[in-house]
N, C-alpha and C. Protein backbone atom coordinates (compact mmCIF):
# COMPACT_ATOMS: atom_id res chain seq x y z
N MET A 1 -8.36 0.00 -9.26
CA MET A 1 -8.60 1.41 -9.10
C MET A 1 -8.12 1.89 -7.73
N HIS A 2 -8.28 1.07 -6.70
CA HIS A 2 -7.87 1.46 -5.35
C HIS A 2 -6.36 1.73 -5.30
N LEU A 3 -5.59 0.86 -5.93
CA LEU A 3 -4.15 1.08 -5.95
C LEU A 3 -3.81 2.38 -6.68
N GLN A 4 -4.48 2.65 -7.78
CA GLN A 4 -4.23 3.88 -8.52
C GLN A 4 -4.51 5.10 -7.65
N VAL A 5 -5.59 5.09 -6.92
CA VAL A 5 -5.94 6.23 -6.08
C VAL A 5 -4.85 6.49 -5.04
N VAL A 6 -4.42 5.44 -4.35
CA VAL A 6 -3.42 5.60 -3.29
C VAL A 6 -2.06 5.97 -3.87
N ILE A 7 -1.62 5.26 -4.90
CA ILE A 7 -0.32 5.55 -5.51
C ILE A 7 -0.29 6.97 -6.06
N THR A 8 -1.33 7.37 -6.76
CA THR A 8 -1.39 8.72 -7.33
C THR A 8 -1.37 9.79 -6.25
N ALA A 9 -2.07 9.56 -5.15
CA ALA A 9 -2.08 10.54 -4.05
C ALA A 9 -0.67 10.72 -3.50
N LYS A 10 0.05 9.61 -3.30
CA LYS A 10 1.42 9.70 -2.78
C LYS A 10 2.34 10.44 -3.76
N LEU A 11 2.26 10.07 -5.02
CA LEU A 11 3.15 10.67 -6.02
C LEU A 11 2.82 12.14 -6.28
N ARG A 12 1.57 12.52 -6.18
CA ARG A 12 1.20 13.94 -6.32
C ARG A 12 1.86 14.79 -5.24
N ARG A 13 2.05 14.19 -4.07
CA ARG A 13 2.72 14.90 -2.97
C ARG A 13 4.24 14.77 -3.07
N ARG A 14 4.71 14.18 -4.19
CA ARG A 14 6.15 13.99 -4.44
C ARG A 14 6.78 13.08 -3.39
N GLU A 15 6.01 12.09 -2.92
CA GLU A 15 6.49 11.13 -1.93
C GLU A 15 6.85 9.81 -2.60
N SER A 16 8.10 9.39 -2.46
CA SER A 16 8.53 8.08 -2.94
C SER A 16 8.22 7.05 -1.87
N PHE A 17 7.99 5.80 -2.29
CA PHE A 17 7.72 4.74 -1.33
C PHE A 17 7.90 3.39 -1.99
N ILE A 18 7.95 2.35 -1.18
CA ILE A 18 8.06 0.99 -1.69
C ILE A 18 6.67 0.34 -1.66
N PHE A 19 6.39 -0.47 -2.67
CA PHE A 19 5.12 -1.18 -2.78
C PHE A 19 5.44 -2.66 -2.84
N THR A 20 4.84 -3.45 -1.95
CA THR A 20 5.13 -4.88 -1.84
C THR A 20 3.85 -5.68 -1.97
N TRP A 21 3.96 -6.84 -2.62
CA TRP A 21 2.82 -7.75 -2.74
C TRP A 21 3.32 -9.18 -2.64
N THR A 22 2.41 -10.11 -2.36
CA THR A 22 2.71 -11.53 -2.30
C THR A 22 2.53 -12.12 -3.69
N ASP A 23 3.51 -12.89 -4.13
CA ASP A 23 3.44 -13.51 -5.45
C ASP A 23 2.57 -14.77 -5.40
N ALA A 24 1.86 -15.01 -6.47
CA ALA A 24 1.03 -16.21 -6.60
C ALA A 24 1.94 -17.44 -6.70
N ALA A 25 1.40 -18.60 -6.36
CA ALA A 25 2.16 -19.85 -6.40
C ALA A 25 2.71 -20.11 -7.80
N GLU A 26 1.91 -19.82 -8.84
CA GLU A 26 2.39 -20.05 -10.22
C GLU A 26 3.52 -19.11 -10.62
N ALA A 27 3.74 -18.05 -9.84
CA ALA A 27 4.86 -17.13 -10.08
C ALA A 27 6.03 -17.45 -9.16
N GLY A 28 5.94 -18.57 -8.43
CA GLY A 28 7.03 -18.98 -7.57
C GLY A 28 6.87 -18.62 -6.11
N SER A 29 5.70 -18.15 -5.73
CA SER A 29 5.43 -17.71 -4.34
C SER A 29 6.38 -16.60 -3.93
N GLY A 30 6.50 -16.34 -2.65
CA GLY A 30 7.38 -15.28 -2.18
C GLY A 30 6.73 -13.92 -2.23
N ARG A 31 7.57 -12.90 -2.26
CA ARG A 31 7.11 -11.50 -2.30
C ARG A 31 7.87 -10.76 -3.38
N SER A 32 7.26 -9.71 -3.87
CA SER A 32 7.91 -8.80 -4.80
C SER A 32 7.71 -7.39 -4.28
N SER A 33 8.67 -6.51 -4.55
CA SER A 33 8.58 -5.10 -4.16
C SER A 33 9.09 -4.24 -5.29
N ILE A 34 8.56 -3.04 -5.36
CA ILE A 34 9.00 -2.07 -6.35
C ILE A 34 9.08 -0.70 -5.67
N TRP A 35 10.10 0.07 -6.01
CA TRP A 35 10.26 1.43 -5.51
C TRP A 35 9.48 2.35 -6.45
N LEU A 36 8.58 3.14 -5.89
CA LEU A 36 7.79 4.08 -6.68
C LEU A 36 8.25 5.50 -6.36
N ASP A 37 8.50 6.26 -7.40
CA ASP A 37 9.04 7.61 -7.27
C ASP A 37 8.30 8.51 -8.26
N PRO A 38 8.07 9.78 -7.92
CA PRO A 38 7.34 10.67 -8.82
C PRO A 38 7.99 10.86 -10.19
N THR A 39 9.27 10.55 -10.33
CA THR A 39 9.94 10.74 -11.62
C THR A 39 9.80 9.53 -12.55
N ILE A 40 9.22 8.44 -12.04
CA ILE A 40 9.07 7.23 -12.84
C ILE A 40 7.67 7.21 -13.47
N PRO A 41 7.58 7.12 -14.79
CA PRO A 41 6.25 7.07 -15.42
C PRO A 41 5.53 5.77 -15.07
N LEU A 42 4.24 5.87 -14.83
CA LEU A 42 3.40 4.72 -14.54
C LEU A 42 2.28 4.64 -15.58
N PHE A 43 1.82 3.44 -15.81
CA PHE A 43 0.73 3.21 -16.74
C PHE A 43 -0.27 2.30 -16.05
N TYR A 44 -1.51 2.71 -15.98
CA TYR A 44 -2.58 1.89 -15.41
C TYR A 44 -3.44 1.38 -16.55
N ARG A 45 -3.75 0.10 -16.53
CA ARG A 45 -4.61 -0.48 -17.56
C ARG A 45 -5.74 -1.24 -16.87
N TYR A 46 -6.95 -1.02 -17.34
CA TYR A 46 -8.12 -1.69 -16.79
C TYR A 46 -8.84 -2.43 -17.90
N TYR A 47 -9.41 -3.54 -17.55
CA TYR A 47 -10.20 -4.32 -18.50
C TYR A 47 -11.67 -4.01 -18.27
N GLY A 48 -12.40 -3.83 -19.34
CA GLY A 48 -13.80 -3.47 -19.23
C GLY A 48 -13.94 -1.96 -19.09
N ASN A 49 -15.16 -1.49 -19.14
CA ASN A 49 -15.37 -0.05 -19.08
C ASN A 49 -16.32 0.38 -17.97
N ARG A 50 -16.64 -0.54 -17.08
CA ARG A 50 -17.54 -0.14 -15.99
C ARG A 50 -16.74 0.64 -14.95
N PRO A 51 -17.30 1.72 -14.45
CA PRO A 51 -16.60 2.49 -13.42
C PRO A 51 -16.51 1.69 -12.11
N ALA A 52 -15.38 1.80 -11.47
CA ALA A 52 -15.17 1.08 -10.21
C ALA A 52 -15.86 1.81 -9.06
N SER A 53 -16.39 1.03 -8.13
CA SER A 53 -16.89 1.64 -6.91
C SER A 53 -15.77 1.51 -5.88
N LEU A 54 -15.53 2.57 -5.15
CA LEU A 54 -14.40 2.59 -4.22
C LEU A 54 -14.84 2.24 -2.81
N ASN A 55 -14.05 1.40 -2.17
CA ASN A 55 -14.27 0.97 -0.80
C ASN A 55 -13.40 1.85 0.10
N LYS A 56 -14.01 2.79 0.83
CA LYS A 56 -13.26 3.74 1.66
C LYS A 56 -12.40 3.04 2.70
N GLU A 57 -12.93 1.97 3.30
CA GLU A 57 -12.16 1.24 4.31
C GLU A 57 -10.86 0.68 3.71
N TRP A 58 -10.95 0.15 2.50
CA TRP A 58 -9.77 -0.41 1.84
C TRP A 58 -8.79 0.70 1.45
N LEU A 59 -9.32 1.82 0.92
CA LEU A 59 -8.47 2.95 0.59
C LEU A 59 -7.71 3.44 1.82
N ASP A 60 -8.41 3.58 2.94
CA ASP A 60 -7.77 4.03 4.17
C ASP A 60 -6.69 3.06 4.62
N SER A 61 -6.96 1.76 4.52
CA SER A 61 -5.99 0.74 4.91
C SER A 61 -4.75 0.79 4.03
N LEU A 62 -4.95 0.91 2.71
CA LEU A 62 -3.82 0.99 1.79
C LEU A 62 -3.00 2.27 2.02
N MET A 63 -3.67 3.39 2.26
CA MET A 63 -2.97 4.66 2.49
C MET A 63 -2.19 4.62 3.79
N LEU A 64 -2.77 4.05 4.82
CA LEU A 64 -2.07 3.92 6.09
C LEU A 64 -0.80 3.09 5.91
N SER A 65 -0.92 2.01 5.17
CA SER A 65 0.23 1.17 4.88
C SER A 65 1.27 1.94 4.06
N ALA A 66 0.83 2.67 3.05
CA ALA A 66 1.76 3.43 2.19
C ALA A 66 2.50 4.50 2.97
N ASN A 67 1.91 5.01 4.02
CA ASN A 67 2.55 6.05 4.83
C ASN A 67 3.44 5.48 5.93
N SER A 68 3.52 4.17 6.05
CA SER A 68 4.35 3.55 7.08
C SER A 68 5.80 3.46 6.62
N SER A 69 6.68 3.19 7.55
CA SER A 69 8.10 3.06 7.21
C SER A 69 8.37 1.80 6.39
N ASN A 70 7.47 0.83 6.42
CA ASN A 70 7.63 -0.39 5.63
C ASN A 70 7.13 -0.24 4.20
N GLY A 71 6.41 0.82 3.89
CA GLY A 71 5.86 1.02 2.56
C GLY A 71 4.51 0.35 2.41
N MET A 72 3.91 0.52 1.24
CA MET A 72 2.57 0.00 1.00
C MET A 72 2.60 -1.50 0.76
N LEU A 73 1.84 -2.23 1.53
CA LEU A 73 1.68 -3.66 1.38
C LEU A 73 0.30 -3.92 0.81
N PHE A 74 0.27 -4.62 -0.33
CA PHE A 74 -1.02 -4.94 -0.93
C PHE A 74 -1.78 -5.87 0.00
N THR A 75 -3.00 -5.52 0.31
CA THR A 75 -3.90 -6.35 1.10
C THR A 75 -5.17 -6.58 0.31
N ASN A 76 -5.86 -7.62 0.64
CA ASN A 76 -7.12 -7.91 -0.03
C ASN A 76 -8.21 -6.97 0.43
N GLU A 77 -9.14 -6.71 -0.45
CA GLU A 77 -10.27 -5.88 -0.09
C GLU A 77 -11.06 -6.58 1.01
N PRO A 78 -11.40 -5.86 2.06
CA PRO A 78 -12.16 -6.48 3.15
C PRO A 78 -13.42 -7.17 2.64
N GLY A 79 -13.60 -8.43 3.08
CA GLY A 79 -14.81 -9.17 2.72
C GLY A 79 -14.73 -9.93 1.42
N LEU A 80 -13.60 -9.86 0.70
CA LEU A 80 -13.48 -10.58 -0.56
C LEU A 80 -12.41 -11.65 -0.44
N PRO A 81 -12.48 -12.70 -1.29
CA PRO A 81 -11.45 -13.73 -1.24
C PRO A 81 -10.10 -13.18 -1.69
N PRO A 82 -9.00 -13.84 -1.33
CA PRO A 82 -7.66 -13.37 -1.70
C PRO A 82 -7.51 -13.18 -3.20
N ALA A 83 -6.75 -12.15 -3.56
CA ALA A 83 -6.43 -11.87 -4.96
C ALA A 83 -5.06 -11.23 -5.02
N SER A 84 -4.43 -11.27 -6.17
CA SER A 84 -3.13 -10.63 -6.34
C SER A 84 -3.35 -9.27 -6.98
N PRO A 85 -2.37 -8.34 -6.88
CA PRO A 85 -2.55 -7.03 -7.48
C PRO A 85 -2.67 -7.09 -9.00
N ARG A 86 -2.28 -8.20 -9.59
CA ARG A 86 -2.41 -8.34 -11.03
C ARG A 86 -3.84 -8.63 -11.46
N THR A 87 -4.67 -9.09 -10.53
CA THR A 87 -6.05 -9.43 -10.88
C THR A 87 -7.08 -8.51 -10.27
N ARG A 88 -6.69 -7.66 -9.35
CA ARG A 88 -7.62 -6.79 -8.65
C ARG A 88 -6.95 -5.46 -8.38
N SER A 89 -7.67 -4.38 -8.53
CA SER A 89 -7.11 -3.07 -8.19
C SER A 89 -8.08 -2.20 -7.55
């Protein structure tokens, strides 16, 4: 949900940006990046139906990263063990 909030905020302002994450070892390690643009359709899918609680500190960190010249870098939620963007949002 955190990624959706930040990505949607950027795209609503018609701001394109790059989004980068670290790949899991089973995916070959390394990094992956994608260019996000308001003209590209996105689909968000969530498992389960419980509403997410939002961590303001994490949202602020992700937004600050998204507004940088390097683009948004996926970081782990403060205080939680490492996760990939495929398993946590």
